[in-house]
Amino acid sequence: MSPKHALVREPGKTFTKCLSCHPMRHTVNLAKAKSQHAIYRRTLSDLGLDVITIQPDDLHPDACFVEDNAVVHGKRALICRMGAESRRGEEGPVEKVLSGYLEMQRASAPATVEGGDVVHLPSRLISGLSQRTNLEGIRQMSDWLEVKVDTIDDPSIMHLKSYVTCLNGDTVIASRRFSKHPALTGLRVITVPDEEAYAADTLTVGSTVLMPAGMPKSAALVKASGFDVIPVDVGEFEKCDGAVTCLSILF
């Protein structure tokens, strides 16, 4: 089912205090991030999505990475119990909006699960078993959403979608790190060049793929596979370990 809505949240005043291991973390520019986010929202709207914008959350610097707050599959949503304790509390406004459209359940302790770990395929999910998502989180997600969840186990990563995202039902794009992982067996895998590993985090709407700007080789590979590509500048969000998928929940 094609998404009709995109839930987004603008960066708050404290965004520059985001959780990040990026070497340029200290150069995050809030005004530039807000400008990039506005263009991102407009791009989603131009692609025909109803863009629902909730208020910034100044108490939680990472709250603009709204994807981590919930996992949506079919007519249900799991509200996440995030692995980063400092982010717990972001999810309330997200739950309020989604409850108007979907059946809801909250993940409960000791589960941790974040939407940035979850790759959506038509008949199954692939979840990272990572710094932010544990086995109990995956179990609760599978049970509530009534869907098979395969795993990629790597406790060194923050989120799986930094390395693998889905372009359509049978095609994924991945960095070399996981491009041959058994969880991807049977799928067509586009492997991005090592120097453009950041390009593995993409967002597809219909036949159009949003990709981070400045990744020409990866964009050419995606275009050659039959997709339209829109490059978007998310440079300020990259400094906060975020990318194009992190900034929205499509449903």
C-alpha atoms as a PDB file:
ATOM      1  CA  MET A   1       0.000   0.000   0.000  1.00  0.00           C
ATOM      2  CA  SER A   2       1.409   3.368  -1.007  1.00  0.00           C
ATOM      3  CA  PRO A   3       1.738   5.903   1.817  1.00  0.00           C
ATOM      4  CA  LYS A   4      -0.581   8.889   1.851  1.00  0.00           C
ATOM      5  CA  HIS A   5       0.874  10.816   4.789  1.00  0.00           C
ATOM      6  CA  ALA A   6       4.273  11.902   6.056  1.00  0.00           C
ATOM      7  CA  LEU A   7       4.658  12.813   9.717  1.00  0.00           C
ATOM      8  CA  VAL A   8       7.548  15.211  10.369  1.00  0.00           C
ATOM      9  CA  ARG A   9       8.861  17.406  13.184  1.00  0.00           C
ATOM     10  CA  GLU A  10      11.085  20.448  12.701  1.00  0.00           C
ATOM     11  CA  PRO A  11      14.387  20.705  14.586  1.00  0.00           C
ATOM     12  CA  GLY A  12      14.003  22.359  17.977  1.00  0.00           C
ATOM     13  CA  LYS A  13      16.113  25.038  19.600  1.00  0.00           C
ATOM     14  CA  THR A  14      18.399  22.449  21.208  1.00  0.00           C
ATOM     15  CA  PHE A  15      19.131  20.522  17.999  1.00  0.00           C
ATOM     16  CA  THR A  16      22.824  21.428  18.133  1.00  0.00           C
ATOM     17  CA  LYS A  17      23.086  19.220  21.260  1.00  0.00           C
ATOM     18  CA  CYS A  18      22.118  16.123  19.273  1.00  0.00           C
ATOM     19  CA  LEU A  19      23.582  12.696  20.014  1.00  0.00           C
ATOM     20  CA  SER A  20      26.318  12.132  17.451  1.00  0.00           C
ATOM     21  CA  CYS A  21      29.726  10.605  16.791  1.00  0.00           C
ATOM     22  CA  HIS A  22      30.185  12.574  13.561  1.00  0.00           C
ATOM     23  CA  PRO A  23      33.536  14.396  13.355  1.00  0.00           C
ATOM     24  CA  MET A  24      31.778  17.626  12.306  1.00  0.00           C
ATOM     25  CA  ARG A  25      29.193  17.444  15.090  1.00  0.00           C
ATOM     26  CA  HIS A  26      30.514  20.707  16.595  1.00  0.00           C
ATOM     27  CA  THR A  27      29.646  22.644  13.413  1.00  0.00           C
ATOM     28  CA  VAL A  28      25.883  21.906  13.378  1.00  0.00           C
ATOM     29  CA  ASN A  29      24.005  25.030  12.268  1.00  0.00           C
ATOM     30  CA  LEU A  30      20.397  25.248  13.460  1.00  0.00           C
ATOM     31  CA  ALA A  31      19.265  27.850  10.930  1.00  0.00           C
ATOM     32  CA  LYS A  32      20.684  25.791   8.071  1.00  0.00           C
ATOM     33  CA  ALA A  33      19.074  22.629   9.463  1.00  0.00           C
ATOM     34  CA  LYS A  34      15.697  24.370   9.557  1.00  0.00           C
ATOM     35  CA  SER A  35      16.130  25.482   5.948  1.00  0.00           C
ATOM     36  CA  GLN A  36      17.073  21.966   4.832  1.00  0.00           C
ATOM     37  CA  HIS A  37      14.095  20.558   6.717  1.00  0.00           C
ATOM     38  CA  ALA A  38      11.722  23.005   5.013  1.00  0.00           C
ATOM     39  CA  ILE A  39      12.951  21.863   1.601  1.00  0.00           C
ATOM     40  CA  TYR A  40      12.579  18.230   2.684  1.00  0.00           C
ATOM     41  CA  ARG A  41       8.955  18.854   3.715  1.00  0.00           C
ATOM     42  CA  ARG A  42       8.206  20.653   0.482  1.00  0.00           C
ATOM     43  CA  THR A  43       9.699  17.786  -1.525  1.00  0.00           C
ATOM     44  CA  LEU A  44       7.451  15.265   0.216  1.00  0.00           C
ATOM     45  CA  SER A  45       4.444  17.485  -0.429  1.00  0.00           C
ATOM     46  CA  ASP A  46       5.387  17.859  -4.107  1.00  0.00           C
ATOM     47  CA  LEU A  47       5.423  14.051  -4.330  1.00  0.00           C
ATOM     48  CA  GLY A  48       1.767  14.021  -3.297  1.00  0.00           C
ATOM     49  CA  LEU A  49       2.038  13.223   0.392  1.00  0.00           C
ATOM     50  CA  ASP A  50      -0.062  14.928   3.048  1.00  0.00           C
ATOM     51  CA  VAL A  51       2.693  16.351   5.250  1.00  0.00           C
ATOM     52  CA  ILE A  52       1.723  16.497   8.932  1.00  0.00           C
ATOM     53  CA  THR A  53       4.114  18.720  10.875  1.00  0.00           C
ATOM     54  CA  ILE A  54       4.147  18.509  14.660  1.00  0.00           C
ATOM     55  CA  GLN A  55       5.651  21.120  16.947  1.00  0.00           C
ATOM     56  CA  PRO A  56       9.400  21.115  17.647  1.00  0.00           C
ATOM     57  CA  ASP A  57      10.476  19.516  20.909  1.00  0.00           C
ATOM     58  CA  ASP A  58      13.061  21.719  22.583  1.00  0.00           C
ATOM     59  CA  LEU A  59      13.514  19.268  25.473  1.00  0.00           C
ATOM     60  CA  HIS A  60      14.812  16.518  23.197  1.00  0.00           C
ATOM     61  CA  PRO A  61      17.554  17.586  20.754  1.00  0.00           C
ATOM     62  CA  ASP A  62      17.073  14.548  18.489  1.00  0.00           C
ATOM     63  CA  ALA A  63      13.280  14.787  18.252  1.00  0.00           C
ATOM     64  CA  CYS A  64      13.322  15.825  14.585  1.00  0.00           C
ATOM     65  CA  PHE A  65      14.434  12.257  13.821  1.00  0.00           C
ATOM     66  CA  VAL A  66      10.800  11.310  14.168  1.00  0.00           C
ATOM     67  CA  GLU A  67      11.141   7.936  12.417  1.00  0.00           C
ATOM     68  CA  ASP A  68      12.655   6.419  15.553  1.00  0.00           C
ATOM     69  CA  ASN A  69       9.461   7.052  17.537  1.00  0.00           C
ATOM     70  CA  ALA A  70       7.267   4.464  15.805  1.00  0.00           C
ATOM     71  CA  VAL A  71       7.208   1.496  13.444  1.00  0.00           C
ATOM     72  CA  VAL A  72       4.184   1.347  11.121  1.00  0.00           C
ATOM     73  CA  HIS A  73       3.110  -1.775   9.253  1.00  0.00           C
ATOM     74  CA  GLY A  74      -0.289  -2.156   7.635  1.00  0.00           C
ATOM     75  CA  LYS A  75      -2.943  -0.644   9.884  1.00  0.00           C
ATOM     76  CA  ARG A  76      -0.908  -0.854  13.072  1.00  0.00           C
ATOM     77  CA  ALA A  77       1.853   1.137  14.722  1.00  0.00           C
ATOM     78  CA  LEU A  78       4.227   0.221  17.519  1.00  0.00           C
ATOM     79  CA  ILE A  79       5.268   3.209  19.595  1.00  0.00           C
ATOM     80  CA  CYS A  80       8.916   2.659  20.341  1.00  0.00           C
ATOM     81  CA  ARG A  81      10.731   2.502  23.634  1.00  0.00           C
ATOM     82  CA  MET A  82      13.942   4.029  22.433  1.00  0.00           C
ATOM     83  CA  GLY A  83      17.348   2.629  23.222  1.00  0.00           C
ATOM     84  CA  ALA A  84      18.794   6.068  23.907  1.00  0.00           C
ATOM     85  CA  GLU A  85      17.336   6.979  27.304  1.00  0.00           C
ATOM     86  CA  SER A  86      17.739  10.702  26.627  1.00  0.00           C
ATOM     87  CA  ARG A  87      15.246  10.368  23.761  1.00  0.00           C
ATOM     88  CA  ARG A  88      12.452   8.771  25.756  1.00  0.00           C
ATOM     89  CA  GLY A  89       9.582  11.228  25.961  1.00  0.00           C
ATOM     90  CA  GLU A  90       9.721  12.323  22.314  1.00  0.00           C
ATOM     91  CA  GLU A  91       7.080   9.811  21.305  1.00  0.00           C
ATOM     92  CA  GLY A  92       3.944  11.338  22.906  1.00  0.00           C
ATOM     93  CA  PRO A  93       2.977  13.791  20.130  1.00  0.00           C
ATOM     94  CA  VAL A  94       3.771  11.161  17.500  1.00  0.00           C
ATOM     95  CA  GLU A  95       1.489   8.671  19.213  1.00  0.00           C
ATOM     96  CA  LYS A  96      -1.262  11.290  19.413  1.00  0.00           C
ATOM     97  CA  VAL A  97      -1.192  11.905  15.659  1.00  0.00           C
ATOM     98  CA  LEU A  98      -0.854   8.272  14.584  1.00  0.00           C
ATOM     99  CA  SER A  99      -3.676   7.165  16.890  1.00  0.00           C
ATOM    100  CA  GLY A 100      -6.075   9.033  14.615  1.00  0.00           C
ATOM    101  CA  TYR A 101      -5.160   6.709  11.747  1.00  0.00           C
ATOM    102  CA  LEU A 102      -3.818   3.440  13.145  1.00  0.00           C
ATOM    103  CA  GLU A 103      -4.205   0.843  15.888  1.00  0.00           C
ATOM    104  CA  MET A 104      -1.572   1.514  18.527  1.00  0.00           C
ATOM    105  CA  GLN A 105       0.519  -0.307  21.070  1.00  0.00           C
ATOM    106  CA  ARG A 106       3.559   0.809  23.058  1.00  0.00           C
ATOM    107  CA  ALA A 107       6.716  -1.253  23.391  1.00  0.00           C
ATOM    108  CA  SER A 108       7.358  -1.994  27.052  1.00  0.00           C
ATOM    109  CA  ALA A 109      10.472  -2.630  29.142  1.00  0.00           C
ATOM    110  CA  PRO A 110      12.831  -4.367  28.813  1.00  0.00           C
ATOM    111  CA  ALA A 111      12.285  -3.872  25.089  1.00  0.00           C
ATOM    112  CA  THR A 112      14.194  -1.239  23.180  1.00  0.00           C
ATOM    113  CA  VAL A 113      13.367  -0.577  19.550  1.00  0.00           C
ATOM    114  CA  GLU A 114      13.834   2.371  17.197  1.00  0.00           C
ATOM    115  CA  GLY A 115      12.304   2.886  13.773  1.00  0.00           C
ATOM    116  CA  GLY A 116      15.663   3.683  12.248  1.00  0.00           C
ATOM    117  CA  ASP A 117      16.571   0.019  12.638  1.00  0.00           C
ATOM    118  CA  VAL A 118      13.621  -1.307  10.642  1.00  0.00           C
ATOM    119  CA  VAL A 119      13.672  -1.919   6.873  1.00  0.00           C
ATOM    120  CA  HIS A 120      10.174  -2.389   5.434  1.00  0.00           C
ATOM    121  CA  LEU A 121       9.537  -5.035   2.792  1.00  0.00           C
ATOM    122  CA  PRO A 122       6.061  -6.025   1.526  1.00  0.00           C
ATOM    123  CA  SER A 123       5.744  -9.276   3.503  1.00  0.00           C
ATOM    124  CA  ARG A 124       8.408  -8.932   6.197  1.00  0.00           C
ATOM    125  CA  LEU A 125      10.621  -6.534   8.059  1.00  0.00           C
ATOM    126  CA  ILE A 126      14.366  -6.606   8.552  1.00  0.00           C
ATOM    127  CA  SER A 127      15.548  -5.158  11.843  1.00  0.00           C
ATOM    128  CA  GLY A 128      18.953  -4.323  13.116  1.00  0.00           C
ATOM    129  CA  LEU A 129      19.913  -5.945  16.412  1.00  0.00           C
ATOM    130  CA  SER A 130      21.971  -2.948  17.328  1.00  0.00           C
ATOM    131  CA  GLN A 131      22.947  -0.354  19.916  1.00  0.00           C
ATOM    132  CA  ARG A 132      19.332   0.854  19.969  1.00  0.00           C
ATOM    133  CA  THR A 133      17.162  -2.244  19.333  1.00  0.00           C
ATOM    134  CA  ASN A 134      17.234  -5.483  21.340  1.00  0.00           C
ATOM    135  CA  LEU A 135      15.692  -8.947  20.906  1.00  0.00           C
ATOM    136  CA  GLU A 136      12.727  -8.173  23.155  1.00  0.00           C
ATOM    137  CA  GLY A 137      11.985  -5.068  21.097  1.00  0.00           C
ATOM    138  CA  ILE A 138      12.033  -7.157  17.935  1.00  0.00           C
ATOM    139  CA  ARG A 139       9.750  -9.778  19.532  1.00  0.00           C
ATOM    140  CA  GLN A 140       7.193  -7.189  20.612  1.00  0.00           C
ATOM    141  CA  MET A 141       7.338  -5.529  17.198  1.00  0.00           C
ATOM    142  CA  SER A 142       6.773  -8.819  15.390  1.00  0.00           C
ATOM    143  CA  ASP A 143       3.930  -9.854  17.698  1.00  0.00           C
ATOM    144  CA  TRP A 144       2.013  -6.569  17.558  1.00  0.00           C
ATOM    145  CA  LEU A 145       2.502  -5.844  13.868  1.00  0.00           C
ATOM    146  CA  GLU A 146       1.826  -9.509  13.011  1.00  0.00           C
ATOM    147  CA  VAL A 147       4.743  -9.703  10.614  1.00  0.00           C
ATOM    148  CA  LYS A 148       7.891 -11.772  10.259  1.00  0.00           C
ATOM    149  CA  VAL A 149      11.005  -9.885  11.295  1.00  0.00           C
ATOM    150  CA  ASP A 150      14.417 -11.044  10.095  1.00  0.00           C
ATOM    151  CA  THR A 151      17.463  -9.630  11.834  1.00  0.00           C
ATOM    152  CA  ILE A 152      20.913  -8.306  11.076  1.00  0.00           C
ATOM    153  CA  ASP A 153      22.907  -8.644  14.267  1.00  0.00           C
ATOM    154  CA  ASP A 154      25.643  -6.048  14.734  1.00  0.00           C
ATOM    155  CA  PRO A 155      25.868  -4.395  18.155  1.00  0.00           C
ATOM    156  CA  SER A 156      28.400  -1.887  16.832  1.00  0.00           C
ATOM    157  CA  ILE A 157      25.876  -0.038  14.650  1.00  0.00           C
ATOM    158  CA  MET A 158      23.372   2.578  15.767  1.00  0.00           C
ATOM    159  CA  HIS A 159      20.682   1.984  13.108  1.00  0.00           C
ATOM    160  CA  LEU A 160      20.413  -0.522  10.269  1.00  0.00           C
ATOM    161  CA  LYS A 161      18.922   2.007   7.853  1.00  0.00           C
ATOM    162  CA  SER A 162      22.266   3.784   7.772  1.00  0.00           C
ATOM    163  CA  TYR A 163      23.405   0.760   5.754  1.00  0.00           C
ATOM    164  CA  VAL A 164      20.317  -0.752   4.066  1.00  0.00           C
ATOM    165  CA  THR A 165      17.054   0.739   2.779  1.00  0.00           C
ATOM    166  CA  CYS A 166      14.292  -0.583   0.531  1.00  0.00           C
ATOM    167  CA  LEU A 167      13.625   0.982  -2.871  1.00  0.00           C
ATOM    168  CA  ASN A 168      10.633  -1.204  -3.743  1.00  0.00           C
ATOM    169  CA  GLY A 169       9.296  -4.676  -3.085  1.00  0.00           C
ATOM    170  CA  ASP A 170      12.287  -6.609  -4.345  1.00  0.00           C
ATOM    171  CA  THR A 171      15.091  -4.032  -4.522  1.00  0.00           C
ATOM    172  CA  VAL A 172      17.231  -2.668  -1.725  1.00  0.00           C
ATOM    173  CA  ILE A 173      20.219  -0.369  -1.665  1.00  0.00           C
ATOM    174  CA  ALA A 174      23.050  -1.180   0.712  1.00  0.00           C
ATOM    175  CA  SER A 175      26.583  -0.342   1.661  1.00  0.00           C
ATOM    176  CA  ARG A 176      29.141  -3.103   1.196  1.00  0.00           C
ATOM    177  CA  ARG A 177      29.059  -3.869   4.933  1.00  0.00           C
ATOM    178  CA  PHE A 178      25.741  -5.724   4.660  1.00  0.00           C
ATOM    179  CA  SER A 179      25.139  -6.092   0.920  1.00  0.00           C
ATOM    180  CA  LYS A 180      25.712  -9.874   1.041  1.00  0.00           C
ATOM    181  CA  HIS A 181      23.996 -10.531   4.366  1.00  0.00           C
ATOM    182  CA  PRO A 182      21.698 -13.615   4.369  1.00  0.00           C
ATOM    183  CA  ALA A 183      18.722 -11.433   5.368  1.00  0.00           C
ATOM    184  CA  LEU A 184      18.908  -9.892   1.885  1.00  0.00           C
ATOM    185  CA  THR A 185      18.838 -13.239   0.066  1.00  0.00           C
ATOM    186  CA  GLY A 186      16.357 -13.195  -2.807  1.00  0.00           C
ATOM    187  CA  LEU A 187      16.409  -9.430  -3.118  1.00  0.00           C
ATOM    188  CA  ARG A 188      17.997  -7.343  -5.836  1.00  0.00           C
ATOM    189  CA  VAL A 189      20.769  -5.422  -4.074  1.00  0.00           C
ATOM    190  CA  ILE A 190      22.270  -2.175  -5.352  1.00  0.00           C
ATOM    191  CA  THR A 191      25.621  -1.761  -3.607  1.00  0.00           C
ATOM    192  CA  VAL A 192      26.804   1.813  -3.235  1.00  0.00           C
ATOM    193  CA  PRO A 193      30.502   2.685  -3.667  1.00  0.00           C
ATOM    194  CA  ASP A 194      32.466   2.666  -0.425  1.00  0.00           C
ATOM    195  CA  GLU A 195      33.188   6.396  -0.713  1.00  0.00           C
ATOM    196  CA  GLU A 196      29.422   7.054  -0.930  1.00  0.00           C
ATOM    197  CA  ALA A 197      28.292   4.741   1.875  1.00  0.00           C
ATOM    198  CA  TYR A 198      26.004   7.479   3.230  1.00  0.00           C
ATOM    199  CA  ALA A 199      23.902   7.082   0.068  1.00  0.00           C
ATOM    200  CA  ALA A 200      22.526   3.739   1.332  1.00  0.00           C
ATOM    201  CA  ASP A 201      20.017   5.651   3.465  1.00  0.00           C
ATOM    202  CA  THR A 202      17.245   6.561   1.019  1.00  0.00           C
ATOM    203  CA  LEU A 203      13.511   7.276   1.103  1.00  0.00           C
ATOM    204  CA  THR A 204      11.236   6.038  -1.691  1.00  0.00           C
ATOM    205  CA  VAL A 205       7.850   7.535  -2.558  1.00  0.00           C
ATOM    206  CA  GLY A 206       6.275   5.684  -5.455  1.00  0.00           C
ATOM    207  CA  SER A 207       8.973   5.422  -8.109  1.00  0.00           C
ATOM    208  CA  THR A 208      10.944   8.403  -6.795  1.00  0.00           C
ATOM    209  CA  VAL A 209      13.907   7.995  -4.474  1.00  0.00           C
ATOM    210  CA  LEU A 210      15.108  10.770  -2.194  1.00  0.00           C
ATOM    211  CA  MET A 211      18.874  10.500  -1.787  1.00  0.00           C
ATOM    212  CA  PRO A 212      21.416  12.653   0.022  1.00  0.00           C
ATOM    213  CA  ALA A 213      22.934  15.251  -2.271  1.00  0.00           C
ATOM    214  CA  GLY A 214      26.518  14.848  -3.412  1.00  0.00           C
ATOM    215  CA  MET A 215      26.337  11.115  -4.153  1.00  0.00           C
ATOM    216  CA  PRO A 216      26.494  11.060  -7.980  1.00  0.00           C
ATOM    217  CA  LYS A 217      27.707   7.475  -8.464  1.00  0.00           C
ATOM    218  CA  SER A 218      24.998   6.048  -6.220  1.00  0.00           C
ATOM    219  CA  ALA A 219      22.335   8.242  -7.804  1.00  0.00           C
ATOM    220  CA  ALA A 220      23.381   6.970 -11.243  1.00  0.00           C
ATOM    221  CA  LEU A 221      23.042   3.350 -10.061  1.00  0.00           C
ATOM    222  CA  VAL A 222      19.537   4.004  -8.760  1.00  0.00           C
ATOM    223  CA  LYS A 223      18.488   5.807 -11.946  1.00  0.00           C
ATOM    224  CA  ALA A 224      19.854   2.924 -14.030  1.00  0.00           C
ATOM    225  CA  SER A 225      17.587   0.605 -12.043  1.00  0.00           C
ATOM    226  CA  GLY A 226      14.506   2.490 -13.235  1.00  0.00           C
ATOM    227  CA  PHE A 227      13.870   5.011 -10.475  1.00  0.00           C
ATOM    228  CA  ASP A 228      13.637   8.780 -10.513  1.00  0.00           C
ATOM    229  CA  VAL A 229      16.056  10.406  -8.074  1.00  0.00           C
ATOM    230  CA  ILE A 230      15.720  13.638  -6.125  1.00  0.00           C
ATOM    231  CA  PRO A 231      18.920  14.700  -4.327  1.00  0.00           C
ATOM    232  CA  VAL A 232      18.220  16.490  -1.035  1.00  0.00           C
ATOM    233  CA  ASP A 233      20.722  18.336   1.096  1.00  0.00           C
ATOM    234  CA  VAL A 234      20.602  16.882   4.611  1.00  0.00           C
ATOM    235  CA  GLY A 235      24.141  17.849   5.535  1.00  0.00           C
ATOM    236  CA  GLU A 236      23.269  19.325   8.932  1.00  0.00           C
ATOM    237  CA  PHE A 237      21.344  16.186   9.861  1.00  0.00           C
ATOM    238  CA  GLU A 238      24.245  13.996   8.745  1.00  0.00           C
ATOM    239  CA  LYS A 239      26.353  15.747  11.386  1.00  0.00           C
ATOM    240  CA  CYS A 240      23.810  14.476  13.931  1.00  0.00           C
ATOM    241  CA  ASP A 241      24.021  10.917  12.560  1.00  0.00           C
ATOM    242  CA  GLY A 242      20.729  11.353  10.687  1.00  0.00           C
ATOM    243  CA  ALA A 243      19.629  11.039   7.057  1.00  0.00           C
ATOM    244  CA  VAL A 244      16.581  11.184   4.783  1.00  0.00           C
ATOM    245  CA  THR A 245      14.637   8.282   6.319  1.00  0.00           C
ATOM    246  CA  CYS A 246      15.086   9.567   9.889  1.00  0.00           C
ATOM    247  CA  LEU A 247      13.124  12.740   9.281  1.00  0.00           C
ATOM    248  CA  SER A 248       9.689  11.260   8.554  1.00  0.00           C
ATOM    249  CA  ILE A 249       7.213   8.465   9.202  1.00  0.00           C
ATOM    250  CA  LEU A 250       5.339   7.484   6.054  1.00  0.00           C
ATOM    251  CA  PHE A 251       1.945   5.823   6.434  1.00  0.00           C
END
